[in-house]
Protein backbone atom coordinates (compact mmCIF):
# COMPACT_ATOMS: atom_id res chain seq x y z
CA UNK A 1 0.00 0.00 0.00
CA UNK A 2 1.53 3.36 -1.02
CA UNK A 3 1.67 5.80 1.87
CA UNK A 4 -0.64 8.79 1.83
CA UNK A 5 2.16 11.24 1.03
CA UNK A 6 2.92 9.33 -2.17
CA UNK A 7 -0.78 9.24 -3.05
CA UNK A 8 -1.21 12.96 -2.44
CA UNK A 9 1.88 13.81 -4.48
CA UNK A 10 0.51 11.85 -7.42
CA UNK A 11 -2.99 13.24 -6.96
CA UNK A 12 -1.65 16.77 -7.22
CA UNK A 13 0.45 15.96 -10.28
CA UNK A 14 -2.39 14.20 -12.08
CA UNK A 15 -4.97 16.89 -11.30
CA UNK A 16 -2.62 19.73 -12.31
CA UNK A 17 -1.90 17.99 -15.62
CA UNK A 18 -5.61 17.48 -16.28
CA UNK A 19 -6.50 21.12 -15.58
CA UNK A 20 -4.17 22.25 -18.36
CA UNK A 21 -4.65 19.38 -20.81
CA UNK A 22 -4.52 20.21 -24.51
CA UNK A 23 -4.39 18.04 -27.61
CA UNK A 24 -0.83 17.99 -28.94
CA UNK A 25 -0.44 14.51 -30.34
CA UNK A 26 -3.50 13.07 -32.05
CA UNK A 27 -5.86 13.82 -34.92
CA UNK A 28 -9.25 14.10 -33.22
CA UNK A 29 -12.00 11.96 -34.77
CA UNK A 30 -15.14 13.50 -33.32
CA UNK A 31 -17.06 16.80 -33.89
CA UNK A 32 -16.13 18.06 -30.41
CA UNK A 33 -12.58 17.53 -29.17
CA UNK A 34 -12.14 14.91 -26.47
CA UNK A 35 -8.82 16.07 -25.00
CA UNK A 36 -8.85 19.84 -24.41
CA UNK A 37 -10.22 20.31 -20.88
CA UNK A 38 -11.97 23.56 -21.85
CA UNK A 39 -14.58 21.89 -24.06
CA UNK A 40 -17.96 20.42 -23.09
CA UNK A 41 -18.06 16.69 -23.87
CA UNK A 42 -18.07 13.41 -21.99
CA UNK A 43 -14.29 13.10 -21.35
CA UNK A 44 -14.26 16.55 -19.79
CA UNK A 45 -17.34 15.57 -17.79
CA UNK A 46 -15.54 12.58 -16.33
CA UNK A 47 -12.52 14.80 -15.67
CA UNK A 48 -14.61 17.32 -13.76
CA UNK A 49 -16.11 14.52 -11.68
CA UNK A 50 -12.59 13.48 -10.76
CA UNK A 51 -11.84 17.02 -9.61
CA UNK A 52 -15.09 17.06 -7.64
CA UNK A 53 -13.98 13.94 -5.80
CA UNK A 54 -10.65 15.64 -5.13
CA UNK A 55 -12.45 18.63 -3.63
CA UNK A 56 -14.71 16.43 -1.52
CA UNK A 57 -11.69 14.55 -0.16
CA UNK A 58 -9.40 17.54 0.48
CA UNK A 59 -11.69 20.62 0.64
CA UNK A 60 -9.05 22.41 -1.46
CA UNK A 61 -10.63 25.77 -2.28
CA UNK A 62 -8.54 26.11 -5.42
CA UNK A 63 -10.15 22.98 -6.89
CA UNK A 64 -13.61 24.39 -6.23
CA UNK A 65 -12.60 27.71 -7.83
CA UNK A 66 -11.39 25.86 -10.93
CA UNK A 67 -14.69 23.99 -11.22
CA UNK A 68 -16.81 27.11 -10.84
CA UNK A 69 -14.67 29.04 -13.33
CA UNK A 70 -14.87 26.16 -15.82
CA UNK A 71 -18.67 26.02 -15.71
CA UNK A 72 -19.05 29.79 -15.74
CA UNK A 73 -16.91 29.98 -18.89
CA UNK A 74 -18.83 27.22 -20.67
CA UNK A 75 -22.20 28.73 -19.74
CA UNK A 76 -21.05 32.10 -21.07
CA UNK A 77 -19.93 30.46 -24.34
CA UNK A 78 -23.23 28.62 -24.68
CA UNK A 79 -23.79 24.91 -24.21
CA UNK A 80 -23.71 22.35 -27.03
CA UNK A 81 -26.57 20.12 -28.15
CA UNK A 82 -28.09 17.85 -25.55
CA UNK A 83 -27.28 14.16 -25.92
CA UNK A 84 -26.13 11.23 -23.79
CA UNK A 85 -22.47 12.22 -23.83
CA UNK A 86 -22.92 15.95 -23.31
CA UNK A 87 -24.89 15.12 -20.15
CA UNK A 88 -21.66 13.92 -18.51
CA UNK A 89 -20.56 17.36 -17.20
CA UNK A 90 -23.96 17.72 -15.50
CA UNK A 91 -23.03 15.17 -12.83
CA UNK A 92 -20.51 17.58 -11.32
CA UNK A 93 -22.63 20.66 -11.96
CA UNK A 94 -25.49 19.34 -9.86
CA UNK A 95 -23.05 18.74 -7.02
CA UNK A 96 -21.96 22.36 -7.39
CA UNK A 97 -25.61 23.32 -6.97
CA UNK A 98 -25.47 21.71 -3.54
CA UNK A 99 -22.10 23.23 -2.69
CA UNK A 100 -22.72 26.77 -3.89
CA UNK A 101 -26.48 27.34 -4.14
CA UNK A 102 -25.85 29.02 -7.50
CA UNK A 103 -29.27 29.59 -9.07
CA UNK A 104 -27.84 29.64 -12.60
CA UNK A 105 -26.45 26.14 -12.07
CA UNK A 106 -29.82 25.04 -10.66
CA UNK A 107 -31.68 26.24 -13.76
CA UNK A 108 -29.32 24.42 -16.12
CA UNK A 109 -29.58 21.17 -14.15
CA UNK A 110 -33.38 21.44 -14.09
CA UNK A 111 -33.47 22.01 -17.85
CA UNK A 112 -31.16 19.12 -18.71
CA UNK A 113 -32.71 16.60 -16.33
CA UNK A 114 -36.17 17.46 -17.66
CA UNK A 115 -34.85 16.96 -21.20
CA UNK A 116 -33.56 13.49 -20.29
CA UNK A 117 -36.98 12.46 -19.00
CA UNK A 118 -39.06 14.04 -21.75
CA UNK A 119 -36.97 14.26 -24.91
CA UNK A 120 -33.95 11.97 -24.88
CA UNK A 121 -34.51 9.42 -27.62
CA UNK A 122 -35.60 5.97 -26.47
CA UNK A 123 -35.22 2.65 -28.17
CA UNK A 124 -36.37 -0.87 -27.26
CA UNK A 125 -37.72 -1.37 -23.72
CA UNK A 126 -37.54 2.39 -23.24
CA UNK A 127 -33.74 2.30 -23.01
CA UNK A 128 -31.91 5.57 -23.48
CA UNK A 129 -30.61 5.58 -27.04
CA UNK A 130 -26.90 6.35 -27.07
CA UNK A 131 -27.28 9.50 -29.12
CA UNK A 132 -24.06 11.51 -29.39
CA UNK A 133 -22.91 14.74 -31.03
CA UNK A 134 -23.60 14.44 -34.73
CA UNK A 135 -25.08 10.91 -34.61
CA UNK A 136 -28.38 9.68 -33.18
CA UNK A 137 -27.09 6.06 -33.18
CA UNK A 138 -30.54 4.72 -34.02
CA UNK A 139 -31.45 1.66 -31.98
CA UNK A 140 -28.15 1.62 -30.09
CA UNK A 141 -27.56 1.33 -26.37
CA UNK A 142 -24.09 1.32 -24.77
CA UNK A 143 -22.89 0.51 -21.28
CA UNK A 144 -21.29 4.00 -21.20
CA UNK A 145 -24.74 5.61 -20.88
CA UNK A 146 -25.08 4.54 -17.25
CA UNK A 147 -22.15 6.72 -16.22
CA UNK A 148 -22.62 9.56 -18.69
CA UNK A 149 -26.34 10.21 -18.19
CA UNK A 150 -28.04 7.95 -15.65
CA UNK A 151 -25.93 8.95 -12.64
CA UNK A 152 -26.83 12.60 -13.24
CA UNK A 153 -30.52 11.77 -13.64
CA UNK A 154 -30.45 9.87 -10.35
CA UNK A 155 -28.77 12.73 -8.53
CA UNK A 156 -31.16 15.25 -10.09
CA UNK A 157 -34.08 13.17 -8.88
CA UNK A 158 -32.79 13.32 -5.32
CA UNK A 159 -31.78 16.98 -5.48
CA UNK A 160 -35.02 18.24 -7.03
CA UNK A 161 -37.16 15.78 -5.05
CA UNK A 162 -38.53 14.11 -8.18
CA UNK A 163 -39.00 10.39 -7.45
CA UNK A 164 -39.90 9.69 -11.08
CA UNK A 165 -36.34 10.61 -12.08
CA UNK A 166 -34.91 8.19 -9.51
CA UNK A 167 -37.21 5.40 -10.67
CA UNK A 168 -36.23 6.00 -14.29
CA UNK A 169 -32.55 5.82 -13.35
CA UNK A 170 -33.16 2.47 -11.66
CA UNK A 171 -35.01 1.24 -14.74
CA UNK A 172 -32.15 2.24 -17.00
CA UNK A 173 -29.67 0.23 -14.95
CA UNK A 174 -31.94 -2.80 -15.22
CA UNK A 175 -32.57 -2.54 -18.95
CA UNK A 176 -28.87 -2.03 -19.71
CA UNK A 177 -27.99 -5.10 -17.65
CA UNK A 178 -30.71 -7.07 -19.46
CA UNK A 179 -29.20 -6.45 -22.89
CA UNK A 180 -25.50 -6.00 -22.16
CA UNK A 181 -24.61 -8.47 -19.40
CA UNK A 182 -23.16 -11.79 -20.55
CA UNK A 183 -24.24 -14.43 -18.04
CA UNK A 184 -21.75 -16.95 -19.40
CA UNK A 185 -18.70 -14.80 -18.69
CA UNK A 186 -19.86 -12.39 -15.97
CA UNK A 187 -18.72 -9.48 -18.18
CA UNK A 188 -20.54 -6.77 -20.12
CA UNK A 189 -20.74 -6.33 -23.85
CA UNK A 190 -20.13 -2.80 -25.13
CA UNK A 191 -23.44 -2.37 -26.94
CA UNK A 192 -26.74 -3.74 -28.20
CA UNK A 193 -28.55 -2.93 -31.46
CA UNK A 194 -32.35 -3.07 -31.16
CA UNK A 195 -32.77 -2.82 -34.93
CA UNK A 196 -30.94 -6.05 -35.68
CA UNK A 197 -30.96 -7.65 -32.22
CA UNK A 198 -27.26 -8.23 -31.68
CA UNK A 199 -24.38 -7.17 -29.44
CA UNK A 200 -22.34 -5.84 -32.38
CA UNK A 201 -18.99 -7.65 -32.09
CA UNK A 202 -19.95 -9.16 -28.71
CA UNK A 203 -16.72 -7.68 -27.34
CA UNK A 204 -15.94 -7.45 -23.62
CA UNK A 205 -14.37 -4.00 -23.76
CA UNK A 206 -12.31 -3.00 -20.75
CA UNK A 207 -13.39 0.60 -20.16
CA UNK A 208 -17.00 -0.30 -20.94
CA UNK A 209 -16.97 -2.87 -18.16
CA UNK A 210 -15.31 -0.31 -15.92
CA UNK A 211 -18.19 2.12 -16.39
CA UNK A 212 -20.40 -0.42 -14.65
CA UNK A 213 -17.93 -1.37 -11.90
CA UNK A 214 -17.34 2.27 -10.98
CA UNK A 215 -20.80 3.58 -11.82
CA UNK A 216 -22.85 1.13 -9.79
CA UNK A 217 -20.90 1.91 -6.62
CA UNK A 218 -21.56 5.62 -7.05
CA UNK A 219 -25.20 4.96 -8.01
CA UNK A 220 -25.84 3.15 -4.74
CA UNK A 221 -24.49 6.14 -2.83
CA UNK A 222 -26.65 8.64 -4.74
CA UNK A 223 -30.16 7.26 -4.34
CA UNK A 224 -32.29 5.57 -1.70
CA UNK A 225 -32.67 2.02 -2.96
CA UNK A 226 -34.78 -0.95 -1.92
CA UNK A 227 -33.06 -4.13 -0.77
CA UNK A 228 -34.11 -6.31 -3.69
CA UNK A 229 -32.81 -4.01 -6.40
CA UNK A 230 -29.66 -3.28 -4.42
CA UNK A 231 -28.98 -7.01 -4.14
CA UNK A 232 -29.56 -7.48 -7.87
CA UNK A 233 -27.16 -4.71 -8.85
CA UNK A 234 -24.51 -5.97 -6.43
CA UNK A 235 -24.92 -9.63 -7.42
CA UNK A 236 -24.19 -8.50 -10.97
CA UNK A 237 -21.20 -6.45 -9.81
CA UNK A 238 -19.82 -9.31 -7.72
CA UNK A 239 -20.05 -11.76 -10.61
CA UNK A 240 -18.30 -9.20 -12.82
CA UNK A 241 -15.51 -8.63 -10.28
CA UNK A 242 -14.95 -12.37 -9.99
CA UNK A 243 -14.59 -12.60 -13.74
CA UNK A 244 -12.31 -9.55 -13.85
CA UNK A 245 -10.07 -11.02 -11.17
CA UNK A 246 -9.40 -14.05 -13.35
CA UNK A 247 -8.49 -11.81 -16.31
CA UNK A 248 -6.23 -9.35 -14.46
CA UNK A 249 -2.66 -9.45 -15.74
CA UNK A 250 0.00 -10.31 -13.18
CA UNK A 251 1.14 -6.67 -13.29
CA UNK A 252 -2.32 -5.50 -12.16
CA UNK A 253 -3.53 -4.20 -15.53
CA UNK A 254 -6.45 -5.28 -17.71
CA UNK A 255 -6.42 -5.55 -21.49
CA UNK A 256 -8.56 -3.23 -23.58
CA UNK A 257 -10.38 -6.37 -24.76
CA UNK A 258 -10.59 -8.06 -21.41
CA UNK A 259 -10.43 -11.66 -22.59
CA UNK A 260 -7.98 -11.08 -25.46
CA UNK A 261 -4.40 -11.07 -24.14
CA UNK A 262 -3.16 -9.94 -27.56
CA UNK A 263 -4.90 -6.59 -27.07
CA UNK A 264 -2.95 -3.83 -25.34
CA UNK A 265 -3.21 -3.20 -21.61
CA UNK A 266 -5.16 -0.06 -20.80
CA UNK A 267 -4.89 2.28 -17.82
CA UNK A 268 -8.28 4.02 -17.64
CA UNK A 269 -10.15 0.71 -17.42
CA UNK A 270 -7.70 -0.53 -14.81
CA UNK A 271 -8.16 2.62 -12.73
CA UNK A 272 -11.97 2.62 -12.89
CA UNK A 273 -12.30 -1.08 -12.11
CA UNK A 274 -9.88 -0.74 -9.20
CA UNK A 275 -11.78 2.27 -7.92
CA UNK A 276 -15.10 0.43 -8.06
CA UNK A 277 -13.69 -2.55 -6.20
CA UNK A 278 -12.01 -0.55 -3.45
CA UNK A 279 -15.03 1.71 -3.01
CA UNK A 280 -17.33 -1.29 -2.96
CA UNK A 281 -15.28 -2.86 -0.19
CA UNK A 282 -15.23 0.38 1.84
CA UNK A 283 -19.01 0.60 1.80
CA UNK A 284 -19.55 -3.10 2.44
CA UNK A 285 -20.93 -3.73 -1.05
CA UNK A 286 -18.13 -6.16 -1.96
CA UNK A 287 -16.39 -8.77 0.13
CA UNK A 288 -12.96 -8.01 1.59
CA UNK A 289 -11.54 -10.95 -0.36
CA UNK A 290 -11.51 -8.82 -3.52
CA UNK A 291 -9.17 -6.20 -2.04
CA UNK A 292 -6.04 -7.68 -3.59
CA UNK A 293 -7.50 -7.19 -7.06
CA UNK A 294 -8.11 -3.52 -6.36
CA UNK A 295 -4.71 -3.00 -4.75
CA UNK A 296 -2.90 -4.57 -7.69
CA UNK A 297 -4.80 -2.19 -9.98
CA UNK A 298 -3.75 0.76 -7.81
CA UNK A 299 -0.07 -0.18 -8.03
CA UNK A 300 -0.35 -0.67 -11.78
CA UNK A 301 -1.96 2.74 -12.28
CA UNK A 302 0.71 4.48 -10.19
CA UNK A 303 3.27 2.95 -12.52
CA UNK A 304 1.67 4.65 -15.53
CA UNK A 305 1.86 8.22 -14.24
CA UNK A 306 4.80 10.04 -15.83
CA UNK A 307 6.99 12.68 -14.21
CA UNK A 308 4.64 15.43 -15.43
CA UNK A 309 1.56 13.78 -13.97
CA UNK A 310 0.25 12.62 -17.35
CA UNK A 311 -1.36 9.19 -17.28
CA UNK A 312 -0.03 6.96 -20.04
CA UNK A 313 -1.46 3.96 -21.90
CA UNK A 314 -5.00 5.35 -22.18
CA UNK A 315 -7.18 4.51 -25.17
CA UNK A 316 -8.88 7.28 -27.14
CA UNK A 317 -12.69 7.62 -27.29
CA UNK A 318 -14.14 4.34 -28.49
CA UNK A 319 -17.43 3.83 -30.36
CA UNK A 320 -18.92 0.36 -30.46
CA UNK A 321 -17.03 -1.97 -32.78
CA UNK A 322 -17.90 -4.99 -34.92
CA UNK A 323 -14.96 -7.12 -33.78
CA UNK A 324 -12.08 -7.25 -31.31
CA UNK A 325 -9.64 -5.91 -33.89
CA UNK A 326 -11.51 -2.61 -33.94
CA UNK A 327 -10.70 -2.09 -30.26
CA UNK A 328 -7.08 -3.14 -30.69
CA UNK A 329 -6.63 -0.37 -33.25
CA UNK A 330 -8.01 2.46 -31.10
CA UNK A 331 -5.06 4.84 -30.63
CA UNK A 332 -3.45 5.51 -27.28
CA UNK A 333 -3.26 9.11 -26.07
CA UNK A 334 -3.34 11.10 -22.83
CA UNK A 335 -7.00 11.81 -22.11
CA UNK A 336 -8.89 13.80 -19.51
CA UNK A 337 -10.82 10.73 -18.41
CA UNK A 338 -7.54 8.84 -18.03
CA UNK A 339 -6.45 11.55 -15.61
CA UNK A 340 -9.84 11.55 -13.88
CA UNK A 341 -10.21 7.80 -13.45
CA UNK A 342 -6.70 7.74 -12.06
CA UNK A 343 -7.79 10.39 -9.56
CA UNK A 344 -10.77 8.19 -8.66
CA UNK A 345 -8.61 5.29 -7.55
CA UNK A 346 -5.89 7.41 -5.92
CA UNK A 347 -8.45 9.34 -3.86
CA UNK A 348 -10.27 6.15 -2.93
CA UNK A 349 -6.97 4.73 -1.69
CA UNK A 350 -6.70 7.64 0.78
CA UNK A 351 -9.53 6.01 2.71
CA UNK A 352 -7.40 2.92 3.37
CA UNK A 353 -5.60 3.26 6.71
CA UNK A 354 -1.83 3.34 6.47
CA UNK A 355 -0.07 0.31 7.93
């Protein structure tokens, strides 16, 4: 177990690098850049959530100032189109509502949460269609949606005292498990197509699985939840963690295609899975016997932070693919969510008592 001084040193390096992140090395593939921290998209949303966790753990006023300044600048510029991925920054904004009482933030969160309930495209079984900037993705659901949109909807339901929002968030977890969970392996597929009734390439993508491992632990801490549903979500998580433990490389990493050792090892998935496991143990959601898996992931992630605090070996934004080769060819680049998910696990490790 790294001592807390080592963790804090790396937390500061990683967060400082993320707050100034720019694209210097890769030809961006999407309409809105995924690397520059000063844009409004899902990677930046995950990054902001990492900084929120840093503030909650340290009460560092400078982190809170950065978050407020970031949102104030984006709101002044004007927000992009509403879709599943652009909802990601809302998860931190609604927490800022609670922290600051800013009425402007409240109005934006009310508008976007209402849009999710009333206007976000639905596909089979009422699942949120994974519509993104420039592409409605007709008939498509992805495991990513749970983290990018459903966590915010759940938190909005609690914050605005709208039980229907909370119930819809629960439903979305259930319908995504129904179509994306592979009972034979204990792992999640990346996506499902309701038009042609298939799981695309039926690939067990690393970061996709990590969105569930990390997301479900946060979900359970956001909403009041009945025992039966809580047990169902955690039974699914426990089966997944068992499967992930068998696939973890001896160095603590996971491959970008979890069950394909010829695919490259990937840091953001490793960080998010490790975070979910360690957080699950802290809250009593997972058995203590899984701690070694999470600790190995922590050590592996620490080994991928360079001297400038930039997290290495992170895969670029990844749409659903038709075969494993597609995922193997996704380029590797420093990413805001790589920084953020690394913060998740480093901050979670601060809760572990030093020996």
